[in-house]
Amino acid sequence: MLKRNSGAVAPKKGEYSTILDEGASIEGKFSFSGNVMLNGKLHGEIVSNDTLIIGEKGVVNANIRAGFIQISGAVTGNVFATERVELCANSRVYGDVDAPVVIIEDGAIFEGHCRMTKVRPPENALTPTREVSVVPLKAPR
């Protein structure tokens, strides 16, 4: 499994658990675990917590929800990542992008809204409380 951090990089060619190459076409909901390279066509919805790489030949007409998403092909639909979205130089994205980290390379085409959200802590995480004291200021003489 690819270890992700703030400097996440795409997996190397041999590190994919699934490859959908040119000529492959999927219609419907596509869910997966591991690292997926998509160079074919997909129409529907993509859902995962892991890594999705859309190659230069990839054509996606779907809303995408994954951990790390790198796009080099064409996407029509909203893109939501819990970690990072990268729009590479030849990418074409028509839809909104929502992720804590968004990288748009020079040459990418992006039509939509971009929202960079903070990573949300788990619901059961304790939030430290901080005491606040107010000190009155003296008026100048």
N, C-alpha and C. Protein backbone atom coordinates (compact mmCIF):
# COMPACT_ATOMS: atom_id res chain seq x y z
N MET A 1 0.85 -1.17 0.00
CA MET A 1 0.00 0.00 0.00
C MET A 1 0.89 1.23 0.00
N LEU A 2 0.51 2.21 -0.73
CA LEU A 2 1.24 3.47 -0.83
C LEU A 2 1.05 4.26 0.45
N LYS A 3 2.15 4.68 1.04
CA LYS A 3 2.06 5.53 2.22
C LYS A 3 1.87 6.96 1.75
N ARG A 4 0.81 7.59 2.20
CA ARG A 4 0.52 8.96 1.77
C ARG A 4 0.91 9.93 2.87
N ASN A 5 1.39 11.07 2.46
CA ASN A 5 1.67 12.17 3.38
C ASN A 5 1.44 13.46 2.64
N SER A 6 1.83 14.57 3.24
CA SER A 6 1.54 15.85 2.61
C SER A 6 2.25 16.02 1.28
N GLY A 7 3.30 15.26 1.02
CA GLY A 7 4.00 15.32 -0.26
C GLY A 7 3.68 14.10 -1.10
N ALA A 8 2.44 13.70 -1.15
CA ALA A 8 2.03 12.48 -1.84
C ALA A 8 2.44 12.50 -3.31
N VAL A 9 2.87 11.36 -3.79
CA VAL A 9 3.21 11.22 -5.20
C VAL A 9 2.47 10.03 -5.76
N ALA A 10 2.26 10.04 -7.06
CA ALA A 10 1.55 8.94 -7.70
C ALA A 10 2.39 7.66 -7.62
N PRO A 11 1.74 6.51 -7.57
CA PRO A 11 2.47 5.25 -7.54
C PRO A 11 3.24 5.04 -8.84
N LYS A 12 4.29 4.24 -8.76
CA LYS A 12 5.05 3.89 -9.96
C LYS A 12 4.26 2.88 -10.77
N LYS A 13 4.64 2.68 -12.03
CA LYS A 13 3.88 1.87 -12.97
C LYS A 13 3.51 0.48 -12.42
N GLY A 14 4.40 -0.20 -11.76
CA GLY A 14 4.14 -1.56 -11.28
C GLY A 14 3.41 -1.63 -9.96
N GLU A 15 3.05 -0.50 -9.38
CA GLU A 15 2.44 -0.49 -8.05
C GLU A 15 0.93 -0.38 -8.07
N TYR A 16 0.29 -0.66 -9.20
CA TYR A 16 -1.17 -0.56 -9.29
C TYR A 16 -1.81 -1.89 -8.96
N SER A 17 -2.90 -1.84 -8.20
CA SER A 17 -3.64 -3.07 -7.93
C SER A 17 -4.60 -3.36 -9.09
N THR A 18 -5.01 -2.32 -9.82
CA THR A 18 -5.91 -2.48 -10.97
C THR A 18 -5.54 -1.47 -12.05
N ILE A 19 -5.58 -1.93 -13.30
CA ILE A 19 -5.35 -1.04 -14.44
C ILE A 19 -6.50 -1.23 -15.42
N LEU A 20 -7.18 -0.14 -15.75
CA LEU A 20 -8.22 -0.16 -16.78
C LEU A 20 -7.63 0.59 -17.96
N ASP A 21 -7.20 -0.14 -18.96
CA ASP A 21 -6.46 0.47 -20.05
C ASP A 21 -7.38 0.89 -21.19
N GLU A 22 -6.79 1.48 -22.23
CA GLU A 22 -7.56 1.90 -23.41
C GLU A 22 -8.40 0.73 -23.90
N GLY A 23 -9.58 1.02 -24.35
CA GLY A 23 -10.48 -0.02 -24.82
C GLY A 23 -11.43 -0.50 -23.74
N ALA A 24 -11.09 -0.28 -22.47
CA ALA A 24 -11.99 -0.66 -21.38
C ALA A 24 -13.04 0.43 -21.20
N SER A 25 -14.27 -0.01 -20.94
CA SER A 25 -15.36 0.93 -20.76
C SER A 25 -16.25 0.42 -19.63
N ILE A 26 -16.53 1.28 -18.66
CA ILE A 26 -17.35 0.91 -17.51
C ILE A 26 -18.50 1.89 -17.40
N GLU A 27 -19.68 1.36 -17.10
CA GLU A 27 -20.84 2.20 -16.84
C GLU A 27 -21.44 1.77 -15.52
N GLY A 28 -21.60 2.72 -14.58
CA GLY A 28 -22.15 2.42 -13.27
C GLY A 28 -21.24 2.88 -12.17
N LYS A 29 -21.42 2.31 -10.98
CA LYS A 29 -20.62 2.69 -9.81
C LYS A 29 -19.38 1.82 -9.75
N PHE A 30 -18.21 2.46 -9.68
CA PHE A 30 -16.93 1.76 -9.61
C PHE A 30 -16.30 2.06 -8.26
N SER A 31 -16.16 1.03 -7.44
CA SER A 31 -15.50 1.20 -6.15
C SER A 31 -14.31 0.27 -6.10
N PHE A 32 -13.26 0.68 -5.39
CA PHE A 32 -12.03 -0.12 -5.37
C PHE A 32 -11.23 0.17 -4.12
N SER A 33 -10.23 -0.67 -3.88
CA SER A 33 -9.23 -0.41 -2.85
C SER A 33 -7.86 -0.62 -3.50
N GLY A 34 -6.88 0.08 -3.02
CA GLY A 34 -5.55 0.02 -3.61
C GLY A 34 -5.35 1.17 -4.59
N ASN A 35 -4.37 1.00 -5.47
CA ASN A 35 -4.03 2.04 -6.45
C ASN A 35 -4.57 1.64 -7.81
N VAL A 36 -5.35 2.52 -8.43
CA VAL A 36 -5.98 2.21 -9.72
C VAL A 36 -5.52 3.21 -10.77
N MET A 37 -5.15 2.68 -11.95
CA MET A 37 -4.82 3.49 -13.12
C MET A 37 -5.96 3.32 -14.11
N LEU A 38 -6.58 4.43 -14.51
CA LEU A 38 -7.70 4.38 -15.43
C LEU A 38 -7.32 5.13 -16.72
N ASN A 39 -7.20 4.38 -17.80
CA ASN A 39 -6.90 4.96 -19.11
C ASN A 39 -8.05 4.71 -20.07
N GLY A 40 -9.11 4.08 -19.60
CA GLY A 40 -10.27 3.80 -20.44
C GLY A 40 -11.36 4.84 -20.23
N LYS A 41 -12.62 4.40 -20.44
CA LYS A 41 -13.77 5.29 -20.30
C LYS A 41 -14.63 4.81 -19.14
N LEU A 42 -15.16 5.76 -18.38
CA LEU A 42 -16.04 5.42 -17.27
C LEU A 42 -17.16 6.45 -17.21
N HIS A 43 -18.39 5.94 -17.09
CA HIS A 43 -19.56 6.80 -16.97
C HIS A 43 -20.34 6.33 -15.76
N GLY A 44 -20.49 7.20 -14.76
CA GLY A 44 -21.23 6.80 -13.55
C GLY A 44 -20.71 7.48 -12.32
N GLU A 45 -20.07 6.69 -11.43
CA GLU A 45 -19.60 7.20 -10.15
C GLU A 45 -18.37 6.40 -9.73
N ILE A 46 -17.38 7.07 -9.11
CA ILE A 46 -16.18 6.41 -8.60
C ILE A 46 -16.08 6.71 -7.12
N VAL A 47 -15.92 5.64 -6.30
CA VAL A 47 -15.86 5.80 -4.85
C VAL A 47 -14.74 4.93 -4.29
N SER A 48 -13.85 5.54 -3.50
CA SER A 48 -12.77 4.81 -2.85
C SER A 48 -12.15 5.67 -1.77
N ASN A 49 -11.33 5.06 -0.92
CA ASN A 49 -10.54 5.81 0.04
C ASN A 49 -9.08 5.84 -0.38
N ASP A 50 -8.77 5.23 -1.51
CA ASP A 50 -7.40 5.06 -1.93
C ASP A 50 -7.03 5.95 -3.12
N THR A 51 -6.08 5.51 -3.94
CA THR A 51 -5.49 6.33 -4.99
C THR A 51 -6.08 6.03 -6.36
N LEU A 52 -6.48 7.09 -7.06
CA LEU A 52 -6.99 6.98 -8.43
C LEU A 52 -6.13 7.85 -9.33
N ILE A 53 -5.57 7.23 -10.36
CA ILE A 53 -4.80 7.94 -11.37
C ILE A 53 -5.57 7.84 -12.68
N ILE A 54 -5.96 8.98 -13.23
CA ILE A 54 -6.63 8.99 -14.53
C ILE A 54 -5.57 9.40 -15.54
N GLY A 55 -5.23 8.46 -16.42
CA GLY A 55 -4.16 8.69 -17.39
C GLY A 55 -4.59 9.61 -18.51
N GLU A 56 -3.64 9.92 -19.40
CA GLU A 56 -3.89 10.85 -20.51
C GLU A 56 -5.00 10.38 -21.43
N LYS A 57 -5.20 9.08 -21.56
CA LYS A 57 -6.25 8.54 -22.43
C LYS A 57 -7.56 8.33 -21.69
N GLY A 58 -7.58 8.57 -20.39
CA GLY A 58 -8.79 8.36 -19.59
C GLY A 58 -9.86 9.41 -19.86
N VAL A 59 -11.10 8.94 -20.00
CA VAL A 59 -12.26 9.82 -20.20
C VAL A 59 -13.30 9.42 -19.16
N VAL A 60 -13.54 10.32 -18.20
CA VAL A 60 -14.43 10.01 -17.09
C VAL A 60 -15.58 11.01 -17.07
N ASN A 61 -16.80 10.47 -17.06
CA ASN A 61 -18.00 11.28 -16.91
C ASN A 61 -18.66 10.79 -15.63
N ALA A 62 -18.17 11.31 -14.48
CA ALA A 62 -18.62 10.78 -13.20
C ALA A 62 -18.22 11.72 -12.07
N ASN A 63 -18.92 11.61 -10.95
CA ASN A 63 -18.46 12.23 -9.73
C ASN A 63 -17.45 11.28 -9.11
N ILE A 64 -16.35 11.85 -8.62
CA ILE A 64 -15.24 11.04 -8.09
C ILE A 64 -15.03 11.38 -6.63
N ARG A 65 -14.90 10.34 -5.80
CA ARG A 65 -14.59 10.49 -4.38
C ARG A 65 -13.52 9.47 -4.05
N ALA A 66 -12.31 9.98 -3.68
CA ALA A 66 -11.20 9.09 -3.35
C ALA A 66 -10.25 9.80 -2.41
N GLY A 67 -9.20 9.09 -1.99
CA GLY A 67 -8.21 9.68 -1.10
C GLY A 67 -7.27 10.62 -1.85
N PHE A 68 -6.56 10.07 -2.83
CA PHE A 68 -5.61 10.83 -3.65
C PHE A 68 -6.03 10.66 -5.11
N ILE A 69 -6.16 11.78 -5.84
CA ILE A 69 -6.61 11.72 -7.23
C ILE A 69 -5.65 12.52 -8.08
N GLN A 70 -5.10 11.87 -9.12
CA GLN A 70 -4.25 12.56 -10.09
C GLN A 70 -4.91 12.43 -11.45
N ILE A 71 -5.10 13.56 -12.14
CA ILE A 71 -5.82 13.56 -13.41
C ILE A 71 -4.91 14.07 -14.52
N SER A 72 -4.76 13.25 -15.56
CA SER A 72 -4.04 13.66 -16.77
C SER A 72 -4.97 13.66 -17.97
N GLY A 73 -6.12 13.01 -17.85
CA GLY A 73 -7.09 12.90 -18.94
C GLY A 73 -8.23 13.88 -18.79
N ALA A 74 -9.43 13.45 -19.21
CA ALA A 74 -10.62 14.31 -19.19
C ALA A 74 -11.61 13.83 -18.13
N VAL A 75 -12.11 14.76 -17.33
CA VAL A 75 -13.11 14.45 -16.31
C VAL A 75 -14.23 15.47 -16.42
N THR A 76 -15.46 14.96 -16.52
CA THR A 76 -16.64 15.80 -16.43
C THR A 76 -17.40 15.30 -15.21
N GLY A 77 -17.40 16.11 -14.15
CA GLY A 77 -18.04 15.73 -12.90
C GLY A 77 -17.27 16.32 -11.75
N ASN A 78 -17.83 16.24 -10.57
CA ASN A 78 -17.20 16.79 -9.38
C ASN A 78 -16.16 15.83 -8.83
N VAL A 79 -15.07 16.40 -8.29
CA VAL A 79 -13.95 15.62 -7.78
C VAL A 79 -13.75 15.96 -6.31
N PHE A 80 -13.83 14.95 -5.44
CA PHE A 80 -13.65 15.15 -4.01
C PHE A 80 -12.56 14.20 -3.51
N ALA A 81 -11.52 14.75 -2.89
CA ALA A 81 -10.44 13.92 -2.34
C ALA A 81 -10.26 14.25 -0.87
N THR A 82 -10.01 13.23 -0.07
CA THR A 82 -9.77 13.46 1.34
C THR A 82 -8.33 13.89 1.60
N GLU A 83 -7.44 13.68 0.61
CA GLU A 83 -6.04 14.04 0.82
C GLU A 83 -5.52 15.06 -0.18
N ARG A 84 -5.70 14.79 -1.49
CA ARG A 84 -5.03 15.63 -2.49
C ARG A 84 -5.60 15.39 -3.87
N VAL A 85 -5.66 16.47 -4.68
CA VAL A 85 -6.03 16.38 -6.09
C VAL A 85 -4.93 17.07 -6.90
N GLU A 86 -4.47 16.40 -7.95
CA GLU A 86 -3.48 16.98 -8.85
C GLU A 86 -4.05 16.99 -10.26
N LEU A 87 -4.11 18.19 -10.86
CA LEU A 87 -4.52 18.32 -12.26
C LEU A 87 -3.25 18.52 -13.07
N CYS A 88 -2.87 17.52 -13.83
CA CYS A 88 -1.62 17.56 -14.59
C CYS A 88 -1.77 18.45 -15.82
N ALA A 89 -0.66 18.71 -16.48
CA ALA A 89 -0.60 19.70 -17.57
C ALA A 89 -1.61 19.46 -18.68
N ASN A 90 -1.89 18.22 -19.05
CA ASN A 90 -2.80 17.95 -20.17
C ASN A 90 -4.23 17.64 -19.72
N SER A 91 -4.52 17.78 -18.45
CA SER A 91 -5.84 17.41 -17.95
C SER A 91 -6.90 18.42 -18.36
N ARG A 92 -8.14 17.91 -18.42
CA ARG A 92 -9.31 18.73 -18.72
C ARG A 92 -10.38 18.34 -17.70
N VAL A 93 -10.69 19.27 -16.81
CA VAL A 93 -11.65 18.98 -15.73
C VAL A 93 -12.77 20.00 -15.80
N TYR A 94 -14.00 19.49 -15.92
CA TYR A 94 -15.20 20.31 -15.98
C TYR A 94 -16.10 19.91 -14.82
N GLY A 95 -15.92 20.59 -13.69
CA GLY A 95 -16.66 20.28 -12.48
C GLY A 95 -15.93 20.87 -11.29
N ASP A 96 -16.52 20.75 -10.12
CA ASP A 96 -15.93 21.32 -8.91
C ASP A 96 -14.89 20.37 -8.33
N VAL A 97 -13.88 20.96 -7.68
CA VAL A 97 -12.82 20.19 -7.03
C VAL A 97 -12.80 20.58 -5.56
N ASP A 98 -12.77 19.57 -4.68
CA ASP A 98 -12.79 19.79 -3.24
C ASP A 98 -11.76 18.87 -2.59
N ALA A 99 -10.73 19.45 -1.97
CA ALA A 99 -9.68 18.66 -1.32
C ALA A 99 -8.85 19.55 -0.42
N PRO A 100 -8.14 18.98 0.56
CA PRO A 100 -7.26 19.79 1.41
C PRO A 100 -6.09 20.39 0.62
N VAL A 101 -5.60 19.65 -0.37
CA VAL A 101 -4.49 20.12 -1.21
C VAL A 101 -4.92 19.98 -2.66
N VAL A 102 -4.81 21.07 -3.43
CA VAL A 102 -5.15 21.05 -4.85
C VAL A 102 -3.97 21.64 -5.62
N ILE A 103 -3.46 20.87 -6.58
CA ILE A 103 -2.35 21.32 -7.41
C ILE A 103 -2.83 21.35 -8.85
N ILE A 104 -2.67 22.50 -9.51
CA ILE A 104 -3.07 22.64 -10.90
C ILE A 104 -1.82 23.04 -11.69
N GLU A 105 -1.35 22.15 -12.54
CA GLU A 105 -0.16 22.43 -13.33
C GLU A 105 -0.47 23.36 -14.48
N ASP A 106 0.55 24.06 -14.94
CA ASP A 106 0.43 24.94 -16.08
C ASP A 106 0.01 24.12 -17.30
N GLY A 107 -1.02 24.56 -18.00
CA GLY A 107 -1.52 23.85 -19.17
C GLY A 107 -2.79 23.06 -18.91
N ALA A 108 -3.14 22.87 -17.64
CA ALA A 108 -4.38 22.16 -17.31
C ALA A 108 -5.57 23.06 -17.63
N ILE A 109 -6.68 22.44 -18.04
CA ILE A 109 -7.92 23.16 -18.26
C ILE A 109 -8.86 22.79 -17.12
N PHE A 110 -9.34 23.80 -16.41
CA PHE A 110 -10.22 23.57 -15.26
C PHE A 110 -11.34 24.58 -15.30
N GLU A 111 -12.57 24.08 -15.43
CA GLU A 111 -13.76 24.92 -15.39
C GLU A 111 -14.64 24.43 -14.26
N GLY A 112 -14.70 25.21 -13.20
CA GLY A 112 -15.50 24.83 -12.04
C GLY A 112 -15.05 25.62 -10.84
N HIS A 113 -15.52 25.22 -9.68
CA HIS A 113 -15.15 25.86 -8.43
C HIS A 113 -14.15 24.98 -7.71
N CYS A 114 -13.25 25.61 -6.98
CA CYS A 114 -12.25 24.88 -6.21
C CYS A 114 -12.42 25.24 -4.74
N ARG A 115 -12.50 24.22 -3.90
CA ARG A 115 -12.61 24.44 -2.46
C ARG A 115 -11.52 23.63 -1.79
N MET A 116 -10.64 24.33 -1.08
CA MET A 116 -9.57 23.66 -0.34
C MET A 116 -10.00 23.61 1.12
N THR A 117 -10.37 22.41 1.56
CA THR A 117 -10.89 22.22 2.91
C THR A 117 -9.81 21.64 3.80
N LYS A 118 -9.89 21.93 5.08
CA LYS A 118 -8.97 21.33 6.03
C LYS A 118 -9.33 19.88 6.24
N VAL A 119 -8.33 19.09 6.58
CA VAL A 119 -8.59 17.71 6.91
C VAL A 119 -9.35 17.71 8.22
N ARG A 120 -10.48 17.02 8.21
CA ARG A 120 -11.32 17.00 9.41
C ARG A 120 -10.86 15.89 10.35
N PRO A 121 -10.71 16.21 11.66
CA PRO A 121 -10.36 15.17 12.61
C PRO A 121 -11.54 14.21 12.78
N PRO A 122 -11.27 12.98 13.17
CA PRO A 122 -12.38 12.05 13.41
C PRO A 122 -13.36 12.61 14.42
N GLU A 123 -14.62 12.23 14.26
CA GLU A 123 -15.69 12.73 15.11
C GLU A 123 -15.44 12.44 16.59
N ASN A 124 -14.80 11.32 16.90
CA ASN A 124 -14.61 10.95 18.29
C ASN A 124 -13.33 11.53 18.89
N ALA A 125 -12.57 12.31 18.14
CA ALA A 125 -11.34 12.91 18.65
C ALA A 125 -11.68 13.98 19.68
N LEU A 126 -10.92 13.99 20.74
CA LEU A 126 -11.14 14.99 21.78
C LEU A 126 -10.50 16.30 21.34
N THR A 127 -11.21 17.37 21.52
CA THR A 127 -10.69 18.68 21.18
C THR A 127 -10.14 19.31 22.44
N PRO A 128 -8.86 19.70 22.43
CA PRO A 128 -8.33 20.30 23.65
C PRO A 128 -9.03 21.63 23.93
N THR A 129 -9.32 21.85 25.18
CA THR A 129 -9.94 23.11 25.55
C THR A 129 -8.86 24.06 26.01
N ARG A 130 -9.09 25.32 25.78
CA ARG A 130 -8.11 26.33 26.14
C ARG A 130 -8.82 27.39 26.97
N GLU A 131 -8.22 27.71 28.10
CA GLU A 131 -8.81 28.75 28.93
C GLU A 131 -8.44 30.11 28.38
N VAL A 132 -9.38 31.01 28.41
CA VAL A 132 -9.16 32.35 27.91
C VAL A 132 -9.40 33.31 29.06
N SER A 133 -8.48 34.23 29.23
CA SER A 133 -8.69 35.25 30.25
C SER A 133 -8.70 36.61 29.58
N VAL A 134 -9.52 37.49 30.07
CA VAL A 134 -9.64 38.83 29.51
C VAL A 134 -9.02 39.80 30.49
N VAL A 135 -8.10 40.60 30.00
CA VAL A 135 -7.44 41.60 30.83
C VAL A 135 -7.84 42.97 30.31
N PRO A 136 -8.47 43.80 31.15
CA PRO A 136 -8.86 45.13 30.66
C PRO A 136 -7.63 46.01 30.44
N LEU A 137 -7.66 46.81 29.40
CA LEU A 137 -6.57 47.73 29.11
C LEU A 137 -6.86 49.06 29.79
N LYS A 138 -5.81 49.70 30.27
CA LYS A 138 -5.97 51.01 30.88
C LYS A 138 -6.06 52.05 29.79
N ALA A 139 -6.89 53.02 29.98
CA ALA A 139 -7.03 54.11 29.02
C ALA A 139 -5.78 54.97 29.05
N PRO A 140 -5.33 55.48 27.90
CA PRO A 140 -4.13 56.32 27.89
C PRO A 140 -4.40 57.64 28.61
N ARG A 141 -3.38 58.22 29.24
CA ARG A 141 -3.53 59.47 30.00
C ARG A 141 -3.21 60.65 29.18
